[in-house]
Protein backbone atom coordinates (compact mmCIF):
# COMPACT_ATOMS: atom_id res chain seq x y z
CA MET A 1 36.30 34.18 55.41
CA TYR A 2 33.53 31.55 55.73
CA THR A 3 32.11 32.44 52.32
CA PHE A 4 35.57 32.23 50.75
CA ILE A 5 36.25 28.77 52.21
CA LYS A 6 32.77 27.58 51.18
CA LYS A 7 33.37 28.63 47.58
CA LEU A 8 36.83 27.05 47.67
CA LEU A 9 35.51 23.71 48.90
CA LYS A 10 32.43 23.68 46.69
CA GLN A 11 32.66 20.85 44.16
CA LYS A 12 32.78 22.11 40.59
CA GLU A 13 30.38 20.37 38.22
CA PRO A 14 32.01 18.89 35.13
CA ASP A 15 31.44 20.73 31.88
CA LYS A 16 28.79 19.29 29.61
CA PHE A 17 29.87 17.89 26.24
CA THR A 18 27.65 19.54 23.64
CA PHE A 19 26.81 17.20 20.81
CA ALA A 20 25.00 18.26 17.62
CA PHE A 21 22.62 15.73 16.09
CA ASP A 22 23.93 16.25 12.56
CA ALA A 23 27.51 15.64 13.75
CA ILE A 24 26.74 12.04 14.74
CA PRO A 25 27.71 10.34 11.40
CA ALA A 26 31.15 12.03 11.31
CA TRP A 27 31.66 11.30 15.01
CA LEU A 28 30.78 7.64 14.49
CA ASP A 29 33.27 7.37 11.63
CA GLU A 30 35.98 8.84 13.84
CA ARG A 31 35.05 6.55 16.76
CA GLU A 32 35.18 3.55 14.44
CA LYS A 33 38.69 4.52 13.29
CA ILE A 34 39.83 4.98 16.89
CA SER A 35 38.34 1.66 18.02
CA ARG A 36 39.79 -0.14 15.02
CA SER A 37 43.20 1.40 15.56
CA ALA A 38 43.14 0.44 19.25
CA LEU A 39 42.18 -3.14 18.35
CA GLU A 40 44.99 -3.44 15.81
CA THR A 41 47.52 -1.97 18.26
CA GLU A 42 46.45 -4.24 21.12
CA THR A 43 46.46 -7.38 18.98
CA ASP A 44 49.62 -6.71 16.97
CA VAL A 45 51.99 -8.57 19.33
CA PRO A 46 49.60 -11.53 20.03
CA VAL A 47 49.02 -11.94 16.29
CA ARG A 48 52.77 -12.07 15.56
CA ASN A 49 53.26 -14.48 18.45
CA ILE A 50 50.54 -16.78 17.15
CA ARG A 51 51.97 -16.78 13.63
CA ASN A 52 55.40 -17.65 15.02
CA ALA A 53 53.98 -20.28 17.38
CA THR A 54 52.03 -22.06 14.62
CA ALA A 55 55.12 -22.14 12.39
CA GLN A 56 57.25 -23.48 15.26
CA LEU A 57 54.62 -26.02 16.23
CA GLN A 58 54.39 -27.24 12.66
CA HIS A 59 58.17 -27.65 12.63
CA ILE A 60 58.02 -29.69 15.85
CA VAL A 61 55.26 -31.94 14.52
CA ASN A 62 57.12 -32.63 11.30
CA GLY A 63 60.26 -33.33 13.39
CA ILE A 64 58.43 -36.02 15.36
CA ALA A 65 57.74 -37.89 12.14
CA ASP A 66 61.50 -38.20 11.53
CA ASP A 67 62.47 -39.24 15.11
CA GLU A 68 63.58 -42.78 15.93
CA HIS A 69 61.45 -44.68 18.38
CA ASP A 70 62.94 -45.34 21.83
CA PRO A 71 64.40 -48.91 21.76
CA ALA A 72 63.09 -49.50 25.28
CA ILE A 73 59.49 -49.04 24.15
CA HIS A 74 57.44 -52.19 24.01
CA PRO A 75 57.02 -53.51 20.47
CA LYS A 76 53.22 -53.24 20.78
CA LEU A 77 53.48 -49.52 21.59
CA LYS A 78 55.84 -49.06 18.69
CA SER A 79 53.28 -50.68 16.41
CA ILE A 80 50.51 -48.37 17.71
CA ALA A 81 52.76 -45.32 17.32
CA LYS A 82 53.69 -46.36 13.80
CA ASN A 83 50.03 -46.46 12.82
CA SER A 84 48.98 -43.30 14.71
CA LEU A 85 51.93 -41.04 13.89
CA PRO A 86 51.14 -40.44 10.19
CA LEU A 87 47.52 -39.69 11.00
CA PHE A 88 48.51 -37.32 13.81
CA VAL A 89 51.05 -35.45 11.68
CA LYS A 90 48.60 -35.16 8.82
CA ALA A 91 45.82 -33.82 11.08
CA MET A 92 48.14 -31.35 12.82
CA ASN A 93 49.53 -30.07 9.52
CA ALA A 94 46.00 -29.67 8.16
CA SER A 95 45.16 -27.38 11.09
CA LEU A 96 48.51 -25.53 11.28
CA SER A 97 48.80 -24.89 7.53
CA LYS A 98 45.48 -23.06 7.25
CA GLU A 99 45.85 -19.47 6.11
CA LEU A 100 45.56 -16.85 8.86
CA PRO A 101 44.09 -13.68 7.23
CA GLU A 102 45.53 -10.20 7.82
CA ASP A 103 42.13 -8.89 8.98
CA ILE A 104 42.01 -9.32 12.75
CA GLU A 105 38.49 -10.72 12.88
CA GLY A 106 39.23 -13.15 10.06
CA PHE A 107 42.53 -13.98 11.74
CA TYR A 108 40.78 -14.66 15.05
CA SER A 109 38.22 -17.03 13.51
CA ALA A 110 40.90 -18.93 11.59
CA ALA A 111 43.15 -19.13 14.69
CA VAL A 112 40.28 -20.49 16.79
CA GLU A 113 39.69 -23.24 14.23
CA CYS A 114 43.44 -23.95 14.18
CA VAL A 115 43.59 -24.38 17.99
CA LYS A 116 40.46 -26.55 17.97
CA GLY A 117 41.95 -28.76 15.27
CA CYS A 118 45.25 -29.13 17.13
CA LEU A 119 43.50 -30.01 20.40
CA ASN A 120 41.33 -32.59 18.65
CA SER A 121 44.46 -34.11 17.08
CA THR A 122 46.33 -34.41 20.40
CA ARG A 123 43.26 -35.86 22.08
CA GLY A 124 42.70 -38.23 19.17
CA GLN A 125 45.66 -39.92 17.49
CA GLY A 126 48.06 -37.92 19.72
CA ARG A 127 47.07 -39.78 22.88
CA TYR A 128 48.62 -42.96 21.43
CA LEU A 129 51.94 -41.13 21.03
CA GLN A 130 52.31 -39.95 24.64
CA ASP A 131 54.33 -42.98 25.73
CA VAL A 132 56.41 -43.16 22.55
CA PHE A 133 57.25 -39.43 22.26
CA PRO A 134 56.67 -38.05 25.77
CA GLU A 135 58.97 -35.03 25.48
CA GLU A 136 57.90 -34.15 21.97
CA MET A 137 54.20 -34.39 22.80
CA LYS A 138 54.81 -32.27 25.89
CA VAL A 139 56.39 -29.60 23.67
CA VAL A 140 53.40 -29.85 21.29
CA LYS A 141 50.99 -29.31 24.19
CA THR A 142 53.08 -26.39 25.44
CA GLY A 143 52.97 -24.85 21.94
CA ILE A 144 49.18 -25.21 21.73
CA ASP A 145 48.81 -23.69 25.21
CA ALA A 146 51.01 -20.75 24.15
CA ILE A 147 48.74 -20.10 21.16
CA GLY A 148 45.72 -20.34 23.46
CA ARG A 149 47.14 -17.72 25.83
CA GLU A 150 47.74 -15.33 22.96
CA MET A 151 44.20 -16.03 21.74
CA ASN A 152 42.85 -15.04 25.17
CA ALA A 153 44.56 -11.66 24.82
CA ILE A 154 42.99 -11.16 21.39
CA THR A 155 39.61 -12.32 22.74
CA ALA A 156 39.60 -9.59 25.39
CA SER A 157 40.49 -6.87 22.87
CA LEU A 158 38.09 -8.18 20.26
CA THR A 159 35.26 -8.42 22.81
CA THR A 160 35.80 -4.77 23.77
CA TYR A 161 35.89 -3.75 20.10
CA ARG A 162 32.76 -5.71 19.23
CA LYS A 163 30.93 -4.26 22.20
CA GLN A 164 31.88 -0.78 21.00
CA LYS A 165 30.94 -1.70 17.44
CA THR A 166 27.53 -2.99 18.52
CA LEU A 167 26.99 0.22 20.47
CA MET A 168 28.02 2.35 17.50
CA ASN A 169 25.79 0.34 15.14
CA ARG A 170 22.86 0.95 17.48
CA ILE A 171 23.63 4.68 17.57
CA GLN A 172 23.75 4.68 13.76
CA THR A 173 20.40 2.89 13.62
CA LEU A 174 18.84 5.37 16.06
CA TYR A 175 20.33 8.31 14.15
CA ASP A 176 19.00 6.94 10.83
CA ALA A 177 15.53 6.46 12.34
CA LEU A 178 15.43 10.01 13.73
CA HIS A 179 16.95 11.45 10.56
CA ASP A 180 14.29 9.69 8.45
CA ILE A 181 11.61 11.01 10.80
CA ARG A 182 12.93 14.53 10.35
CA ILE A 183 13.01 14.24 6.54
CA ASP A 184 9.56 12.61 6.43
CA SER A 185 8.18 15.22 8.84
CA GLU A 186 9.50 18.06 6.71
CA LYS A 187 7.91 16.52 3.63
CA SER A 188 4.73 15.93 5.62
CA LEU A 189 4.64 19.58 6.69
CA GLU A 190 5.08 20.73 3.09
CA LYS A 191 2.34 18.33 1.98
CA SER A 192 0.07 19.51 4.80
CA GLN A 193 0.59 23.11 3.73
CA ARG A 194 -0.27 22.24 0.13
CA ILE A 195 -3.41 20.40 1.25
CA ALA A 196 -4.43 23.32 3.47
CA ALA A 197 -3.94 25.72 0.54
CA ARG A 198 -6.09 23.52 -1.72
CA ILE A 199 -8.79 23.20 0.96
CA SER A 200 -8.85 26.98 1.35
CA GLU A 201 -9.02 27.47 -2.42
CA VAL A 202 -11.82 24.91 -2.89
CA THR A 203 -13.77 26.24 0.11
CA GLN A 204 -13.60 29.78 -1.23
CA ARG A 205 -14.74 28.63 -4.66
CA ILE A 206 -17.70 26.72 -3.19
CA ALA A 207 -18.70 29.78 -1.18
CA PHE A 208 -18.53 31.93 -4.33
CA ILE A 209 -20.67 29.43 -6.28
CA GLU A 210 -23.25 29.33 -3.49
CA LYS A 211 -23.53 33.13 -3.64
CA GLU A 212 -23.99 32.93 -7.42
CA LEU A 213 -26.69 30.27 -7.03
CA MET A 214 -28.49 32.47 -4.49
CA VAL A 215 -28.46 35.42 -6.90
CA LEU A 216 -29.46 33.57 -10.08
CA PRO A 217 -33.15 33.00 -9.12
CA SER A 218 -33.60 36.78 -8.98
CA ASP A 219 -32.06 37.28 -12.43
CA ALA A 220 -34.41 39.19 -14.74
CA ARG A 221 -34.13 36.47 -17.34
CA MET A 222 -35.70 34.01 -14.88
CA ASN A 223 -39.14 35.46 -15.81
CA GLU A 224 -38.69 34.00 -19.28
CA VAL A 225 -37.58 30.70 -17.77
CA ASN A 226 -40.59 30.55 -15.47
CA GLU A 227 -42.94 31.38 -18.36
CA LYS A 228 -41.44 28.58 -20.44
CA LYS A 229 -41.68 26.17 -17.49
CA SER A 230 -45.35 27.14 -16.99
CA ALA A 231 -46.08 26.72 -20.68
CA LEU A 232 -44.28 23.38 -20.70
CA GLY A 233 -46.37 22.24 -17.73
CA GLU A 234 -49.62 23.05 -19.55
CA MET A 235 -48.40 21.38 -22.73
CA GLU A 236 -47.38 18.23 -20.84
CA LYS A 237 -50.75 18.20 -19.09
CA LYS A 238 -52.65 18.29 -22.41
CA ARG A 239 -50.33 15.70 -23.91
CA ASP A 240 -50.82 13.39 -20.93
CA GLU A 241 -54.61 13.74 -21.23
CA ARG A 242 -54.45 12.72 -24.89
CA ILE A 243 -52.15 9.80 -23.96
CA ARG A 244 -54.63 8.61 -21.32
CA THR A 245 -57.46 8.77 -23.89
CA TYR A 246 -55.40 6.87 -26.44
CA THR A 247 -54.26 4.30 -23.86
CA ALA A 248 -57.81 3.57 -22.73
CA LEU A 249 -59.09 3.09 -26.29
CA SER A 250 -56.04 1.08 -27.43
CA MET A 251 -56.29 -1.28 -24.41
CA THR A 252 -59.98 -1.89 -25.16
CA ALA A 253 -59.40 -2.57 -28.84
CA ALA A 254 -56.25 -4.64 -28.24
CA HIS A 255 -58.15 -6.91 -25.84
CA VAL A 256 -60.72 -7.73 -28.56
CA PHE A 257 -58.07 -8.13 -31.27
CA ARG A 258 -56.19 -10.66 -29.06
CA LYS A 259 -59.39 -12.73 -28.86
CA ALA A 260 -59.71 -12.49 -32.64
CA GLU A 261 -56.08 -13.59 -33.05
CA LYS A 262 -56.72 -16.72 -30.95
CA ILE A 263 -59.78 -17.58 -33.06
CA ALA A 264 -57.82 -16.99 -36.29
CA THR A 265 -55.08 -19.24 -34.96
CA LYS A 266 -57.57 -22.01 -34.31
CA GLN A 267 -59.03 -21.52 -37.77
CA ARG A 268 -55.51 -21.41 -39.26
CA HIS A 269 -56.04 -18.14 -41.12
CA ALA A 270 -52.38 -17.10 -41.49
CA THR A 271 -53.06 -13.72 -43.08
CA GLU A 272 -55.57 -12.75 -40.40
CA ILE A 273 -53.18 -13.93 -37.64
CA SER A 274 -50.42 -11.71 -39.01
CA THR A 275 -52.72 -8.71 -39.41
CA LEU A 276 -54.23 -9.00 -35.95
CA ARG A 277 -50.84 -9.58 -34.25
CA HIS A 278 -49.35 -6.51 -35.98
CA THR A 279 -52.33 -4.38 -34.90
CA VAL A 280 -52.05 -5.58 -31.28
CA ASP A 281 -48.33 -4.74 -31.28
CA LEU A 282 -49.03 -1.19 -32.51
CA LEU A 283 -51.76 -0.63 -29.93
CA SER A 284 -49.69 -2.12 -27.09
CA ASP A 285 -46.55 -0.07 -27.75
CA HIS A 286 -45.70 2.44 -24.99
CA THR A 287 -45.30 5.18 -27.60
CA ALA A 288 -47.96 6.43 -29.98
CA PRO A 289 -47.47 4.82 -33.44
CA ASP A 290 -47.42 6.61 -36.76
CA ALA A 291 -50.99 7.56 -37.67
CA LYS A 292 -50.74 6.14 -41.21
CA ASP A 293 -49.40 2.80 -39.98
CA LEU A 294 -52.14 2.58 -37.36
CA ALA A 295 -54.87 3.55 -39.87
CA SER A 296 -53.69 0.89 -42.31
CA ALA A 297 -53.58 -1.80 -39.60
CA LEU A 298 -57.03 -0.92 -38.16
CA THR A 299 -58.62 -0.77 -41.64
CA ILE A 300 -57.70 -4.44 -42.17
CA ALA A 301 -58.13 -5.74 -38.59
CA CYS A 302 -61.49 -4.18 -37.70
CA PRO A 303 -63.52 -6.03 -40.39
CA VAL A 304 -61.99 -9.35 -39.25
CA ALA A 305 -63.01 -8.68 -35.65
CA GLN A 306 -66.49 -7.44 -36.72
CA ARG A 307 -67.08 -10.60 -38.73
CA MET A 308 -66.21 -12.75 -35.70
CA ILE A 309 -68.44 -10.59 -33.49
CA ALA A 310 -71.33 -10.94 -35.95
CA ALA A 311 -70.75 -14.71 -36.08
CA GLY A 312 -70.92 -14.90 -32.30
CA GLU A 313 -67.30 -16.08 -32.08
CA ILE A 314 -66.42 -13.01 -30.05
CA VAL A 315 -68.71 -11.67 -27.33
CA LEU A 316 -68.19 -8.03 -26.39
CA LYS A 317 -68.07 -7.79 -22.59
CA ASN A 318 -68.70 -4.10 -21.83
CA LYS A 319 -69.96 -0.85 -23.23
CA GLU A 320 -66.44 0.36 -24.08
CA GLU A 321 -65.86 -2.62 -26.38
CA ARG A 322 -69.30 -2.19 -27.92
CA ALA A 323 -68.66 1.54 -28.45
CA VAL A 324 -65.39 0.79 -30.30
CA PHE A 325 -66.67 -1.95 -32.58
CA SER A 326 -70.15 -0.54 -33.22
CA GLU A 327 -68.57 2.35 -35.18
CA THR A 328 -65.10 1.24 -36.26
CA GLY A 329 -64.81 4.08 -38.76
CA ARG A 330 -65.21 6.70 -36.07
CA PHE A 331 -62.89 4.71 -33.80
CA CYS A 332 -60.14 4.59 -36.45
CA THR A 333 -60.44 8.32 -37.11
CA GLU A 334 -60.34 9.15 -33.41
CA MET A 335 -57.30 6.90 -32.76
CA CYS A 336 -55.33 8.32 -35.71
CA THR A 337 -56.20 11.89 -34.75
CA THR A 338 -55.15 11.20 -31.16
CA CYS A 339 -51.85 9.68 -32.33
CA THR A 340 -51.15 12.72 -34.46
CA ASP A 341 -52.00 15.05 -31.58
CA ILE A 342 -49.74 13.13 -29.17
CA ARG A 343 -46.79 13.19 -31.59
CA THR A 344 -47.30 16.89 -32.26
CA GLN A 345 -47.56 17.69 -28.56
CA GLU A 346 -44.50 15.58 -27.72
CA LEU A 347 -42.45 17.41 -30.35
CA ALA A 348 -43.62 20.73 -28.97
CA CYS A 349 -42.73 19.68 -25.41
CA ARG A 350 -39.24 18.58 -26.53
CA ASN A 351 -38.70 21.91 -28.27
CA VAL A 352 -39.64 23.84 -25.14
CA GLN A 353 -37.50 21.51 -22.99
CA ALA A 354 -34.55 22.06 -25.33
CA ALA A 355 -35.09 25.81 -25.11
CA LEU A 356 -35.10 25.60 -21.32
CA VAL A 357 -32.00 23.42 -21.19
CA SER A 358 -30.11 25.84 -23.43
CA HIS A 359 -31.35 28.96 -21.63
CA PRO A 360 -28.29 30.96 -20.41
CA VAL A 361 -29.53 31.26 -16.84
CA LEU A 362 -30.29 27.54 -16.47
CA VAL A 363 -27.06 26.62 -18.30
CA MET A 364 -25.12 28.68 -15.76
CA MET A 365 -27.13 27.32 -12.85
CA ASN A 366 -26.63 23.68 -13.91
CA SER A 367 -22.97 24.32 -14.61
CA ARG A 368 -22.46 25.81 -11.15
CA GLU A 369 -24.34 22.95 -9.48
CA ARG A 370 -22.16 20.38 -11.24
CA GLU A 371 -19.00 22.28 -10.34
CA LYS A 372 -20.13 22.58 -6.73
CA THR A 373 -20.79 18.82 -6.53
CA GLN A 374 -17.34 18.07 -7.97
CA LEU A 375 -15.66 20.55 -5.62
CA GLU A 376 -17.45 19.09 -2.58
CA SER A 377 -16.14 15.63 -3.56
CA ILE A 378 -12.61 17.03 -3.91
CA LEU A 379 -12.94 18.85 -0.57
CA GLU A 380 -13.96 15.63 1.19
CA LYS A 381 -10.93 13.80 -0.22
CA GLU A 382 -8.56 16.62 0.75
CA ARG A 383 -9.91 16.73 4.30
CA HIS A 384 -9.56 12.95 4.55
CA ALA A 385 -5.95 13.22 3.35
CA GLN A 386 -5.34 16.02 5.85
CA LYS A 387 -6.65 13.86 8.70
CA ASP A 388 -4.54 10.86 7.62
CA LEU A 389 -1.46 13.08 7.51
CA SER A 390 -2.26 14.53 10.92
CA ASP A 391 -2.73 11.05 12.41
CA TRP A 392 0.58 9.89 10.90
CA SER A 393 2.38 12.96 12.24
CA GLY A 394 0.96 12.34 15.70
CA LYS A 395 2.17 8.73 15.73
CA ILE A 396 5.63 9.79 14.53
CA LYS A 397 5.92 12.43 17.26
CA GLU A 398 5.12 9.77 19.86
CA LYS A 399 8.19 7.75 18.77
CA VAL A 400 10.67 10.65 18.97
CA PRO A 401 11.12 10.96 22.78
CA ALA A 402 11.97 7.28 23.29
CA LEU A 403 14.36 7.20 20.32
CA THR A 404 16.03 10.44 21.45
CA LYS A 405 16.43 9.19 25.02
CA GLU A 406 17.99 5.93 23.88
CA LEU A 407 20.31 7.78 21.47
CA HIS A 408 21.43 10.08 24.30
CA THR A 409 22.03 7.09 26.59
CA LYS A 410 24.06 5.17 24.01
CA ILE A 411 26.27 8.18 23.26
CA GLU A 412 26.86 8.63 27.00
CA GLU A 413 27.96 4.97 27.19
CA ILE A 414 30.81 5.84 24.83
CA ILE A 415 31.67 9.41 25.82
CA GLY A 416 30.63 9.37 29.44
CA GLU A 417 28.06 11.38 31.38
CA ASN A 418 27.18 15.07 30.95
CA VAL A 419 26.42 14.82 27.24
CA GLN A 420 24.11 17.51 25.93
CA LEU A 421 22.52 16.38 22.67
CA GLN A 422 21.28 19.23 20.46
CA ILE A 423 18.29 17.74 18.72
CA GLU A 424 15.66 20.49 18.90
CA HIS A 425 12.96 20.86 16.28
CA LEU A 426 13.47 17.36 14.95
CA VAL A 427 9.79 17.18 14.05
CA PRO A 428 8.61 20.52 12.62
CA GLY A 429 5.13 21.87 13.02
């Protein structure tokens, strides 16, 4: 018996109102229609009363303009009334004749302005008419008060409607924000999956290239590559030795020829100046000149320098200079031979280098290295994009709880408590 009574007296919890997130727009539309209908129903009678009252008040005001003044009124008051009455009637008609729209909110605003205008008129020119038309002005005041009372009724209904409208607008804003988050999150997830797929693809390709690069050095064809590299090293060594020999001799000779050029300049021997300057330019060039050009230049320049040496105009400073200009014939032959050797050796080195560059193993190796470098750059960009997307997703997820809580609270303000909002998996992933 005790258990039965306990169950009987136990308070039953109210059922929860289940509310789907995607149903919010349709629900808001329906709530708007209900609120609007309620507003129109509640304000229908006050609106009709106000329209009737303004028409009646306008009739009364126009009637005052046609009334005779009370003979007992002091002439001075009559004079004041005569001046004030037209202005009062004009001001009242200006306020009362304003159009009152059918839309309730437009109607309310226009009615408020009408009442304000009427009150200003009675407090302005109307105050001079109180003694002349006491009964009429009393009726005018009563009419304005009647409009004001009806306006108060509309104000209460409109305030309730606007409060509901503000609440519904906020719910719509919250819904739009969460809906946008869901759409953006779905797109973000798809983008993240595409990035992850590209990262996996690029990573696998880099790993494959690295395996290829590890195997290539043991390719049988690498013996040929190594032989060519070794041969190229020897050839470059011999070429560099010849270049050093040529450079040492050319610097020695060029130093003496520059002295000769200065002397020729002082002596104003134009032909000798040109010959010596051309020879110095050939000897000072960073590349070995053509042997024939060098031989021709030295054949003309050496006698000029020897003549100046013999005349004591040029003093040879060291044994290297004396060795060059003591036997210019041998010097010219040696320089031309060295130039020819250098050019021949450089051509041979370029041919071997070209053969190495075009060797299949090295072509593949260089190709794979370039591809690996490009892929590593792509991989870095993809990982950066992945991190940016992850950071964005994290910030978005942080906003969801607060927005959801506020949305739930605002819906409860309209429906009441015990609302269960179905909004799971708003942010995927």
